[in-house]
Protein backbone atom coordinates (compact mmCIF):
# COMPACT_ATOMS: atom_id res chain seq x y z
CA UNK A 1 10.76 19.04 7.26
CA UNK A 2 9.05 21.32 5.25
CA UNK A 3 9.52 20.77 1.33
CA UNK A 4 11.01 23.75 -0.43
CA UNK A 5 7.74 25.70 -1.70
CA UNK A 6 9.69 28.76 -3.19
CA UNK A 7 7.88 29.30 -6.75
CA UNK A 8 11.52 31.13 -7.98
CA UNK A 9 12.97 27.72 -7.52
CA UNK A 10 10.68 25.83 -8.84
CA UNK A 11 10.84 28.21 -11.82
CA UNK A 12 6.96 28.78 -11.64
CA UNK A 13 5.10 31.81 -10.79
CA UNK A 14 1.30 31.86 -9.58
CA UNK A 15 0.54 33.35 -13.01
CA UNK A 16 2.10 29.90 -14.64
CA UNK A 17 0.30 28.05 -12.15
CA UNK A 18 -3.15 29.41 -12.09
CA UNK A 19 -3.46 30.07 -15.72
CA UNK A 20 -7.54 29.38 -16.05
CA UNK A 21 -10.40 31.31 -14.12
CA UNK A 22 -11.94 27.61 -12.56
CA UNK A 23 -8.61 26.30 -11.55
CA UNK A 24 -7.67 29.87 -10.00
CA UNK A 25 -11.14 29.81 -7.93
CA UNK A 26 -10.35 26.24 -7.06
CA UNK A 27 -6.46 27.43 -5.97
CA UNK A 28 -7.55 30.30 -3.70
CA UNK A 29 -10.06 28.23 -2.02
CA UNK A 30 -7.41 25.80 -1.04
CA UNK A 31 -5.49 28.50 0.45
CA UNK A 32 -7.75 29.97 2.65
CA UNK A 33 -7.85 28.11 6.52
CA UNK A 34 -10.04 24.66 6.71
CA UNK A 35 -13.27 25.01 8.11
CA UNK A 36 -14.12 23.96 11.63
CA UNK A 37 -16.77 21.49 10.30
CA UNK A 38 -17.35 19.04 8.05
CA UNK A 39 -17.44 20.68 4.47
CA UNK A 40 -20.36 20.23 2.10
CA UNK A 41 -19.58 17.47 0.11
CA UNK A 42 -22.12 16.14 -2.96
CA UNK A 43 -23.96 13.37 -2.45
CA UNK A 44 -23.21 9.64 -2.51
CA UNK A 45 -25.86 9.01 -4.55
CA UNK A 46 -23.67 7.36 -7.06
CA UNK A 47 -22.74 4.79 -4.72
CA UNK A 48 -25.82 4.40 -2.90
CA UNK A 49 -28.13 3.89 -5.53
CA UNK A 50 -26.45 0.99 -6.27
CA UNK A 51 -26.12 -0.27 -2.53
CA UNK A 52 -22.43 0.98 -1.63
CA UNK A 53 -22.09 2.89 1.23
CA UNK A 54 -19.29 5.42 1.81
CA UNK A 55 -17.20 5.92 5.07
CA UNK A 56 -14.72 7.62 7.27
CA UNK A 57 -11.83 6.71 5.91
CA UNK A 58 -9.22 6.47 8.73
CA UNK A 59 -6.77 4.13 7.16
CA UNK A 60 -5.15 6.95 5.41
CA UNK A 61 -4.49 5.88 1.65
CA UNK A 62 -4.90 2.32 1.27
CA UNK A 63 -6.02 1.69 -2.12
CA UNK A 64 -8.75 -0.41 -1.20
CA UNK A 65 -10.62 2.16 0.69
CA UNK A 66 -10.13 4.82 -2.11
CA UNK A 67 -6.59 6.15 -1.39
CA UNK A 68 -6.51 9.75 0.05
CA UNK A 69 -8.68 12.70 -0.90
CA UNK A 70 -7.96 14.70 -4.41
CA UNK A 71 -7.41 18.37 -3.83
CA UNK A 72 -10.03 20.68 -5.28
CA UNK A 73 -7.64 21.98 -7.84
CA UNK A 74 -6.97 18.56 -8.99
CA UNK A 75 -10.74 17.69 -9.56
CA UNK A 76 -10.79 20.96 -11.60
CA UNK A 77 -7.70 20.37 -13.84
CA UNK A 78 -9.22 16.94 -14.19
CA UNK A 79 -12.75 18.08 -15.26
CA UNK A 80 -10.87 20.52 -17.48
CA UNK A 81 -8.84 18.06 -19.10
CA UNK A 82 -11.93 15.89 -20.09
CA UNK A 83 -12.89 18.43 -22.52
CA UNK A 84 -10.67 18.18 -25.00
CA UNK A 85 -8.24 16.19 -26.82
CA UNK A 86 -4.60 15.77 -27.17
CA UNK A 87 -1.68 13.61 -28.09
CA UNK A 88 -0.53 11.68 -25.48
CA UNK A 89 3.35 11.55 -26.42
CA UNK A 90 3.02 15.57 -26.86
CA UNK A 91 1.34 15.80 -23.77
CA UNK A 92 3.69 13.77 -22.01
CA UNK A 93 6.73 15.36 -23.45
CA UNK A 94 5.48 19.05 -22.13
CA UNK A 95 4.45 17.34 -18.39
CA UNK A 96 8.02 15.38 -18.24
CA UNK A 97 10.12 18.77 -19.01
CA UNK A 98 7.66 20.67 -16.21
CA UNK A 99 8.25 17.78 -13.68
CA UNK A 100 11.90 18.32 -14.42
CA UNK A 101 11.80 21.68 -13.93
CA UNK A 102 9.37 21.57 -10.82
CA UNK A 103 11.18 18.61 -9.24
CA UNK A 104 15.12 19.37 -10.38
CA UNK A 105 15.45 15.79 -11.82
CA UNK A 106 16.10 14.63 -15.32
CA UNK A 107 12.71 13.74 -16.03
CA UNK A 108 9.59 12.44 -15.25
CA UNK A 109 6.40 10.64 -16.13
CA UNK A 110 2.47 10.20 -14.90
CA UNK A 111 2.12 6.34 -14.46
CA UNK A 112 -0.90 4.43 -13.44
CA UNK A 113 -0.23 4.24 -10.04
CA UNK A 114 3.28 3.67 -8.49
CA UNK A 115 3.11 0.09 -9.39
CA UNK A 116 2.77 0.92 -12.45
CA UNK A 117 6.22 3.09 -12.27
CA UNK A 118 7.75 0.03 -11.16
CA UNK A 119 6.77 -2.30 -13.85
CA UNK A 120 7.83 0.51 -16.90
CA UNK A 121 10.89 1.38 -14.94
CA UNK A 122 11.87 -2.18 -15.12
CA UNK A 123 11.13 -2.59 -18.54
CA UNK A 124 13.04 0.13 -19.51
CA UNK A 125 15.82 -1.28 -17.49
CA UNK A 126 15.54 -4.44 -19.81
CA UNK A 127 14.81 -3.43 -22.91
CA UNK A 128 15.65 -0.17 -22.95
CA UNK A 129 14.13 2.07 -26.29
CA UNK A 130 15.00 -1.08 -28.81
CA UNK A 131 11.50 -1.74 -30.44
CA UNK A 132 12.42 -5.12 -31.19
CA UNK A 133 13.66 -6.39 -27.41
CA UNK A 134 10.10 -3.91 -26.13
CA UNK A 135 8.03 -6.12 -28.76
CA UNK A 136 9.76 -9.33 -27.32
CA UNK A 137 8.92 -8.79 -23.36
CA UNK A 138 7.99 -10.42 -21.51
CA UNK A 139 10.81 -12.90 -23.19
CA UNK A 140 13.71 -12.33 -21.50
CA UNK A 141 15.69 -14.35 -24.00
CA UNK A 142 19.10 -12.79 -24.77
CA UNK A 143 18.02 -10.32 -22.37
CA UNK A 144 19.44 -9.37 -18.77
CA UNK A 145 16.97 -11.30 -16.61
CA UNK A 146 17.60 -11.10 -13.13
CA UNK A 147 17.08 -7.74 -10.46
CA UNK A 148 18.65 -7.63 -7.52
CA UNK A 149 16.76 -6.85 -4.26
CA UNK A 150 17.69 -6.36 -0.56
CA UNK A 151 16.08 -8.82 1.98
CA UNK A 152 14.61 -5.38 4.15
CA UNK A 153 12.97 -4.53 0.75
CA UNK A 154 10.93 -6.95 0.00
CA UNK A 155 7.11 -6.95 -0.39
CA UNK A 156 4.00 -7.31 -2.11
CA UNK A 157 4.84 -4.98 -4.67
CA UNK A 158 7.78 -6.92 -5.83
CA UNK A 159 5.34 -8.65 -8.41
CA UNK A 160 5.17 -5.45 -10.30
CA UNK A 161 8.86 -5.92 -11.13
CA UNK A 162 8.30 -10.13 -11.12
CA UNK A 163 5.37 -9.72 -14.02
CA UNK A 164 8.19 -9.30 -16.59
CA UNK A 165 9.72 -12.64 -15.70
CA UNK A 166 12.75 -11.08 -13.80
CA UNK A 167 14.10 -13.66 -11.16
CA UNK A 168 14.66 -11.69 -7.98
CA UNK A 169 17.99 -12.12 -6.34
CA UNK A 170 17.93 -11.64 -2.85
CA UNK A 171 20.88 -9.82 -1.07
CA UNK A 172 21.36 -9.04 2.48
CA UNK A 173 25.10 -7.29 2.36
CA UNK A 174 27.42 -5.75 0.38
CA UNK A 175 29.43 -8.77 0.04
CA UNK A 176 26.47 -10.40 -1.30
CA UNK A 177 25.51 -7.73 -3.82
CA UNK A 178 28.85 -7.62 -4.90
CA UNK A 179 28.88 -11.53 -5.49
CA UNK A 180 25.16 -11.52 -6.95
CA UNK A 181 26.07 -8.26 -9.69
CA UNK A 182 26.71 -10.27 -12.88
CA UNK A 183 26.04 -9.76 -16.62
CA UNK A 184 22.62 -10.92 -16.00
CA UNK A 185 21.73 -7.92 -13.64
CA UNK A 186 18.97 -5.39 -15.14
CA UNK A 187 18.51 -3.28 -12.20
CA UNK A 188 18.65 -3.27 -8.35
CA UNK A 189 15.46 -2.13 -6.39
CA UNK A 190 15.52 -1.19 -3.27
CA UNK A 191 12.35 0.42 -0.77
CA UNK A 192 12.25 4.17 0.17
CA UNK A 193 13.21 4.78 3.98
CA UNK A 194 13.62 8.05 3.98
CA UNK A 195 11.15 8.16 6.67
CA UNK A 196 12.49 5.27 8.65
CA UNK A 197 15.61 3.05 8.40
CA UNK A 198 17.07 -0.03 6.66
CA UNK A 199 20.45 -2.06 8.10
CA UNK A 200 21.52 -2.22 4.15
CA UNK A 201 20.15 0.84 2.50
CA UNK A 202 20.70 2.75 -0.56
CA UNK A 203 23.60 4.59 0.58
CA UNK A 204 25.65 1.40 0.97
CA UNK A 205 23.91 -0.13 -2.43
CA UNK A 206 24.63 2.81 -4.70
CA UNK A 207 28.15 3.18 -4.69
CA UNK A 208 28.45 -0.48 -5.31
CA UNK A 209 25.93 -0.37 -8.10
CA UNK A 210 27.49 2.55 -9.69
CA UNK A 211 30.91 0.83 -10.27
CA UNK A 212 29.42 -1.88 -11.87
CA UNK A 213 27.09 0.38 -13.93
CA UNK A 214 23.67 -1.19 -12.79
CA UNK A 215 20.94 1.11 -12.30
CA UNK A 216 19.06 1.68 -8.94
CA UNK A 217 15.42 1.84 -8.70
CA UNK A 218 13.75 3.34 -5.44
CA UNK A 219 9.95 2.29 -4.55
CA UNK A 220 9.29 5.41 -3.05
CA UNK A 221 5.47 5.00 -3.23
CA UNK A 222 4.08 6.20 0.40
CA UNK A 223 6.44 8.86 0.17
CA UNK A 224 5.98 13.28 -0.24
CA UNK A 225 7.87 14.89 -2.58
CA UNK A 226 11.30 16.43 -1.55
CA UNK A 227 13.33 19.02 -3.39
CA UNK A 228 16.06 18.04 -4.15
CA UNK A 229 15.13 14.53 -4.27
CA UNK A 230 17.18 12.44 -1.52
CA UNK A 231 16.89 9.72 -3.17
CA UNK A 232 18.48 10.76 -6.36
CA UNK A 233 20.90 12.42 -4.08
CA UNK A 234 22.33 9.24 -2.64
CA UNK A 235 23.13 7.76 -5.75
CA UNK A 236 19.26 6.45 -6.92
CA UNK A 237 18.36 6.33 -10.83
CA UNK A 238 14.78 6.51 -10.60
CA UNK A 239 12.06 6.81 -7.86
CA UNK A 240 8.96 5.89 -7.72
CA UNK A 241 6.00 7.77 -6.03
CA UNK A 242 2.20 7.01 -5.50
CA UNK A 243 -0.02 10.34 -6.87
CA UNK A 244 -3.30 9.38 -4.66
CA UNK A 245 -1.32 9.14 -1.22
CA UNK A 246 0.22 11.90 0.65
CA UNK A 247 0.47 14.17 -2.39
CA UNK A 248 -3.66 13.90 -2.94
CA UNK A 249 -3.43 13.49 -6.66
CA UNK A 250 -5.57 11.31 -8.86
CA UNK A 251 -5.95 7.40 -6.71
CA UNK A 252 -4.89 5.95 -9.88
CA UNK A 253 -1.61 7.93 -11.18
CA UNK A 254 1.71 8.10 -9.98
CA UNK A 255 5.18 9.07 -10.72
CA UNK A 256 8.59 7.97 -12.09
CA UNK A 257 11.46 10.41 -11.69
CA UNK A 258 14.93 10.38 -12.39
CA UNK A 259 17.59 10.05 -15.02
CA UNK A 260 16.34 11.02 -18.28
CA UNK A 261 17.48 8.22 -20.36
CA UNK A 262 15.79 6.04 -18.19
CA UNK A 263 12.43 7.55 -17.57
CA UNK A 264 12.28 7.95 -21.46
CA UNK A 265 13.07 4.10 -21.66
CA UNK A 266 9.97 3.39 -19.23
CA UNK A 267 7.85 5.90 -21.29
CA UNK A 268 8.68 3.85 -24.64
CA UNK A 269 7.49 0.43 -22.77
CA UNK A 270 4.27 2.15 -20.96
CA UNK A 271 1.05 2.92 -23.13
CA UNK A 272 -0.40 4.46 -25.35
CA UNK A 273 2.69 2.79 -27.16
CA UNK A 274 2.34 -1.04 -28.27
CA UNK A 275 4.55 -2.53 -25.22
CA UNK A 276 4.19 -4.75 -22.31
CA UNK A 277 2.59 -2.00 -20.51
CA UNK A 278 -0.11 -1.34 -22.94
CA UNK A 279 -2.64 -2.31 -20.33
CA UNK A 280 -1.35 0.27 -17.62
CA UNK A 281 -2.90 2.85 -19.19
CA UNK A 282 -3.00 6.74 -17.67
CA UNK A 283 -5.20 8.75 -19.40
CA UNK A 284 -5.04 12.33 -20.31
CA UNK A 285 -7.07 13.39 -17.12
CA UNK A 286 -4.87 11.56 -14.97
CA UNK A 287 -1.64 13.04 -16.31
CA UNK A 288 -2.85 16.63 -16.09
CA UNK A 289 -4.54 15.62 -12.57
CA UNK A 290 -0.97 14.56 -11.27
CA UNK A 291 0.85 17.39 -12.62
CA UNK A 292 -1.28 19.60 -10.92
CA UNK A 293 -1.21 17.95 -7.64
CA UNK A 294 2.57 18.43 -8.19
CA UNK A 295 2.29 22.09 -8.68
CA UNK A 296 0.53 22.46 -5.51
CA UNK A 297 2.77 20.83 -3.73
CA UNK A 298 5.29 23.05 -4.65
CA UNK A 299 3.81 26.39 -4.58
CA UNK A 300 0.84 25.88 -1.74
CA UNK A 301 1.20 22.68 0.45
CA UNK A 302 2.79 22.93 3.71
CA UNK A 303 3.23 19.57 4.99
CA UNK A 304 4.43 20.83 8.40
CA UNK A 305 1.22 22.66 8.74
CA UNK A 306 -0.66 19.49 7.94
CA UNK A 307 1.00 17.56 10.60
CA UNK A 308 -0.38 20.03 13.18
CA UNK A 309 -3.62 19.94 12.25
CA UNK A 310 -3.71 16.17 11.81
CA UNK A 311 -2.09 16.19 15.55
CA UNK A 312 -4.49 18.78 16.65
CA UNK A 313 -7.46 15.73 15.39
CA UNK A 314 -5.87 13.25 17.90
CA UNK A 315 -5.21 15.65 20.83
CA UNK A 316 -8.87 15.72 20.27
CA UNK A 317 -9.86 12.16 19.45
CA UNK A 318 -7.31 11.11 22.30
CA UNK A 319 -8.64 13.50 25.18
CA UNK A 320 -12.67 12.03 24.68
CA UNK A 321 -11.72 8.28 24.30
CA UNK A 322 -9.35 8.31 27.39
CA UNK A 323 -12.39 9.29 29.43
CA UNK A 324 -12.92 5.48 29.29
CA UNK A 325 -11.11 3.75 31.87
CA UNK A 326 -8.74 1.51 30.38
CA UNK A 327 -8.26 3.07 26.85
CA UNK A 328 -5.15 4.49 25.71
CA UNK A 329 -4.36 6.99 22.62
CA UNK A 330 -0.83 8.04 21.75
CA UNK A 331 0.49 9.64 18.92
CA UNK A 332 3.44 8.11 16.78
CA UNK A 333 5.61 9.82 14.43
CA UNK A 334 6.27 9.14 10.45
CA UNK A 335 7.61 5.89 9.81
CA UNK A 336 9.05 3.93 6.73
CA UNK A 337 6.23 3.89 4.61
CA UNK A 338 3.82 6.24 6.29
CA UNK A 339 5.03 9.46 6.46
CA UNK A 340 3.06 11.21 8.93
CA UNK A 341 1.81 10.64 12.58
CA UNK A 342 -0.87 7.80 13.68
CA UNK A 343 -2.73 7.91 16.56
CA UNK A 344 -2.32 4.23 18.29
CA UNK A 345 -5.68 3.49 20.36
CA UNK A 346 -5.51 0.46 22.61
CA UNK A 347 -7.07 -0.90 25.69
CA UNK A 348 -7.23 -2.89 28.52
CA UNK A 349 -9.13 -6.17 27.73
CA UNK A 350 -9.43 -6.66 31.49
CA UNK A 351 -11.77 -3.57 31.80
CA UNK A 352 -13.10 -3.71 27.81
CA UNK A 353 -13.97 -6.58 26.85
CA UNK A 354 -13.87 -6.62 23.10
CA UNK A 355 -11.43 -7.31 20.67
CA UNK A 356 -10.01 -4.87 17.82
CA UNK A 357 -11.95 -6.82 15.33
CA UNK A 358 -15.33 -6.23 17.34
CA UNK A 359 -14.35 -2.41 17.52
CA UNK A 360 -13.92 -2.87 13.68
CA UNK A 361 -16.99 -4.06 13.02
CA UNK A 362 -19.22 -1.78 15.41
CA UNK A 363 -17.75 1.13 13.59
CA UNK A 364 -18.32 -0.06 10.14
CA UNK A 365 -21.79 -1.17 11.07
CA UNK A 366 -23.01 2.46 12.65
CA UNK A 367 -23.87 5.54 10.53
CA UNK A 368 -22.16 7.20 9.55
CA UNK A 369 -19.95 4.29 8.68
CA UNK A 370 -16.01 4.59 9.65
CA UNK A 371 -13.48 2.16 8.34
CA UNK A 372 -10.62 1.59 10.14
CA UNK A 373 -7.23 -0.78 10.72
CA UNK A 374 -9.23 -2.22 13.99
CA UNK A 375 -9.29 -5.75 13.20
CA UNK A 376 -7.97 -9.35 14.79
CA UNK A 377 -8.04 -10.62 17.93
CA UNK A 378 -5.45 -8.07 19.61
CA UNK A 379 -6.71 -4.66 21.35
CA UNK A 380 -5.26 -2.02 19.54
CA UNK A 381 -5.08 -0.42 16.20
CA UNK A 382 -4.07 2.74 14.56
CA UNK A 383 -5.49 5.49 12.93
CA UNK A 384 -4.07 7.55 9.90
CA UNK A 385 -5.18 10.80 9.15
CA UNK A 386 -4.56 11.66 5.00
CA UNK A 387 -8.34 10.58 4.14
CA UNK A 388 -10.34 12.53 6.87
CA UNK A 389 -12.09 15.34 6.16
CA UNK A 390 -12.07 18.40 8.69
CA UNK A 391 -14.44 17.75 11.35
CA UNK A 392 -14.79 14.05 10.76
CA UNK A 393 -12.23 13.47 13.69
CA UNK A 394 -15.04 14.52 16.04
CA UNK A 395 -17.22 11.61 14.86
CA UNK A 396 -14.83 9.28 14.90
CA UNK A 397 -13.88 10.86 18.74
CA UNK A 398 -17.68 10.77 19.79
CA UNK A 399 -17.98 7.08 18.04
CA UNK A 400 -15.21 5.49 19.43
CA UNK A 401 -16.13 6.87 22.61
CA UNK A 402 -19.71 5.49 22.95
CA UNK A 403 -17.89 1.67 21.69
CA UNK A 404 -16.12 1.61 24.40
CA UNK A 405 -18.31 3.10 26.61
CA UNK A 406 -20.88 0.36 26.06
CA UNK A 407 -17.85 -2.38 26.46
CA UNK A 408 -16.89 -1.53 29.97
CA UNK A 409 -19.21 -3.97 31.12
CA UNK A 410 -18.28 -6.60 28.56
CA UNK A 411 -16.03 -9.36 29.77
CA UNK A 412 -13.61 -11.62 28.06
CA UNK A 413 -15.08 -14.78 27.52
CA UNK A 414 -13.27 -17.62 29.60
CA UNK A 415 -15.44 -20.77 28.37
CA UNK A 416 -12.54 -23.41 28.44
CA UNK A 417 -12.52 -25.01 25.28
CA UNK A 418 -14.07 -28.81 25.31
CA UNK A 419 -11.89 -31.80 25.11
CA UNK A 420 -11.19 -32.74 21.42
CA UNK A 421 -13.13 -35.51 19.79
CA UNK A 422 -9.89 -36.44 18.26
CA UNK A 423 -6.09 -36.20 18.08
CA UNK A 424 -5.31 -34.72 14.53
CA UNK A 425 -1.76 -35.22 15.05
CA UNK A 426 0.02 -36.32 11.83
CA UNK A 427 0.13 -35.75 7.78
CA UNK A 428 -3.40 -34.13 6.34
CA UNK A 429 -3.61 -34.19 2.40
CA UNK A 430 -5.63 -31.19 2.01
CA UNK A 431 -8.19 -30.64 -1.06
CA UNK A 432 -9.01 -26.94 -1.63
CA UNK A 433 -11.40 -26.03 -4.01
CA UNK A 434 -11.29 -22.02 -4.43
CA UNK A 435 -14.23 -19.82 -6.26
CA UNK A 436 -12.13 -20.72 -9.53
CA UNK A 437 -9.60 -23.49 -9.73
CA UNK A 438 -8.42 -26.19 -6.88
CA UNK A 439 -5.42 -27.15 -5.38
CA UNK A 440 -3.47 -29.91 -2.98
CA UNK A 441 -1.79 -28.63 0.02
CA UNK A 442 -0.62 -30.60 3.07
CA UNK A 443 -0.97 -29.85 6.75
CA UNK A 444 1.26 -31.32 8.91
CA UNK A 445 -0.03 -30.78 12.67
CA UNK A 446 0.92 -31.67 16.32
CA UNK A 447 -1.83 -31.38 18.74
CA UNK A 448 -1.53 -30.80 22.53
CA UNK A 449 -4.76 -30.55 24.28
CA UNK A 450 -6.17 -27.54 22.71
CA UNK A 451 -3.32 -26.17 20.92
CA UNK A 452 -2.63 -26.80 17.67
CA UNK A 453 0.88 -26.30 15.95
CA UNK A 454 2.85 -27.37 12.64
CA UNK A 455 3.71 -26.77 9.25
CA UNK A 456 1.11 -25.71 5.73
CA UNK A 457 2.92 -26.92 2.57
CA UNK A 458 1.17 -25.33 -0.01
CA UNK A 459 1.37 -26.04 -4.08
CA UNK A 460 4.47 -23.29 -4.04
CA UNK A 461 5.36 -21.83 -0.96
CA UNK A 462 5.05 -23.18 2.61
CA UNK A 463 5.12 -21.38 5.99
CA UNK A 464 4.25 -22.11 10.07
CA UNK A 465 0.85 -22.82 11.42
CA UNK A 466 -1.00 -22.18 14.71
CA UNK A 467 -4.71 -23.10 15.97
CA UNK A 468 -6.79 -24.71 18.48
CA UNK A 469 -9.33 -27.58 18.42
CA UNK A 470 -12.54 -27.02 20.65
CA UNK A 471 -14.33 -30.45 20.60
CA UNK A 472 -15.06 -31.31 17.19
CA UNK A 473 -14.51 -27.52 15.71
CA UNK A 474 -11.12 -26.71 14.63
CA UNK A 475 -9.29 -23.17 13.60
CA UNK A 476 -6.09 -23.14 12.17
CA UNK A 477 -3.86 -19.92 11.05
CA UNK A 478 -1.36 -20.16 8.63
CA UNK A 479 1.06 -17.85 6.84
CA UNK A 480 3.15 -18.55 3.82
CA UNK A 481 6.13 -16.10 2.83
CA UNK A 482 5.63 -15.50 -1.01
CA UNK A 483 8.29 -13.95 -3.02
CA UNK A 484 7.96 -10.64 -0.73
CA UNK A 485 4.36 -11.04 0.12
CA UNK A 486 2.74 -13.48 2.86
CA UNK A 487 -0.31 -15.44 2.06
CA UNK A 488 -2.60 -15.70 5.11
CA UNK A 489 -4.96 -18.85 5.28
CA UNK A 490 -7.72 -19.40 8.46
CA UNK A 491 -9.13 -22.67 8.08
CA UNK A 492 -12.38 -23.43 9.70
CA UNK A 493 -13.97 -26.97 10.24
CA UNK A 494 -15.51 -29.60 12.02
CA UNK A 495 -13.21 -32.80 12.76
CA UNK A 496 -14.04 -36.49 12.69
CA UNK A 497 -11.59 -39.01 13.36
CA UNK A 498 -9.94 -39.08 9.92
CA UNK A 499 -11.23 -36.39 8.16
CA UNK A 500 -11.51 -32.29 8.69
CA UNK A 501 -13.81 -30.41 6.00
CA UNK A 502 -14.84 -26.59 6.22
CA UNK A 503 -14.05 -23.03 4.77
CA UNK A 504 -11.01 -20.96 4.47
CA UNK A 505 -10.83 -17.30 4.70
CA UNK A 506 -8.10 -16.04 2.37
CA UNK A 507 -7.89 -12.37 3.16
CA UNK A 508 -7.74 -10.18 -0.23
CA UNK A 509 -8.60 -13.37 -2.21
CA UNK A 510 -11.78 -14.18 -1.03
CA UNK A 511 -12.74 -17.79 0.50
CA UNK A 512 -12.39 -21.44 -0.51
CA UNK A 513 -13.54 -25.18 0.81
CA UNK A 514 -11.64 -27.41 2.06
CA UNK A 515 -11.26 -31.38 2.91
CA UNK A 516 -8.76 -33.12 4.48
CA UNK A 517 -7.90 -36.68 5.50
CA UNK A 518 -5.15 -38.38 7.07
CA UNK A 519 -1.90 -39.21 5.18
CA UNK A 520 -1.88 -42.35 3.95
CA UNK A 521 1.91 -43.34 4.71
CA UNK A 522 4.62 -41.76 6.77
CA UNK A 523 5.80 -38.32 5.87
């Protein structure tokens, strides 16, 4: 689907959009065909001088890897905005009106990313524009204090809603939603599914919410902009977008659009106002940069043309790497949370004896560095295109070909694990020392030969555990469902009869040390 880019429909003309010579030059340059080779970029010395090595980004718009690349017009607008001072309330009034006009919504604000949009929307639904209630947040005494979220919509970004202290009520059907709505309900949040599907979705939820007078917020962070807005057309009141993903605005910007009164309430609860959202600051430069990205989207961008370019890159990558026997490459279409085509790269481990994690490390250790989703013990990974520059796909194809070609003579290690030095079945009390702080957990283990299964009981959450013991070495992996997120622990260590100790890998949260002792009494 191509977004409507008619200037007349948006109420814009090219004269309106390109008002300054510097921005006009950037816009005209961007409208020319993309070059076949990598374009000349400024020196990365700003990073390399402190020991940070940039990389080719095949992970699309992941925040931890820098998001997508800003449009040249956005960079020019940010620089121009940085030279002048304006009042942020005046600026947002005009930007909000412009967003409403271009996107055909009630109003809009620029936020410090999509997560900030979720927080501000929640605050607006909790406190409105009442200064006393705004000042009381996150103290919800006397206020509505519950947010309903369908089970399929739970995810790690629930934290942006929970941060205000609201209690999450999880539902999985229309009957459960009817039963959950009460005088305590402030809002219903739904994960965007325009590029995918859900069994219990906005179309099912909106009529029930509307009848009860409860606003609906859609987290559409990864989506691109469509006019008219499909979520609002289906009954949503508010929609949050990331600016630094496929829209290619500033990485630290986002949008909240929808019902005028609720968007203005979200603005009242956000920076620069002295409210709960004061710390989620968005500067004048990012406000202008985000507006510029939306203007370009409405007047210049053709997302289907982008898709065709990306698929041509995939064709070249696939043609090159599948010359290695055992390697496969398959293009997949847009899905919920990723509204762009991806390339699934996989291989036969009997012919190419390296794991995805080893491939990922080899790509990152090379020159130039390449960041991918290649990780773990499997034999496949996805390539995502949005942050790649023209010509970089050729480098990726060459490097992958070299990695796979060099691994065709490698065979999977088939060494049988050693007999365990001890039977570690039973309950274990675990002391964990984090970089800051400590906690007491419990492991309930069942060992059969070298295989270990069981449960991990954390300080607040619990989940399943699997692992193996090889002689006196143990490796245990657990997943703890945690309010929409999943916390992953990888325990490694050495075993004696009644003690285990070693390290824990905590994913994005770093590392820790652990010591475990057999529980002294029956569980």
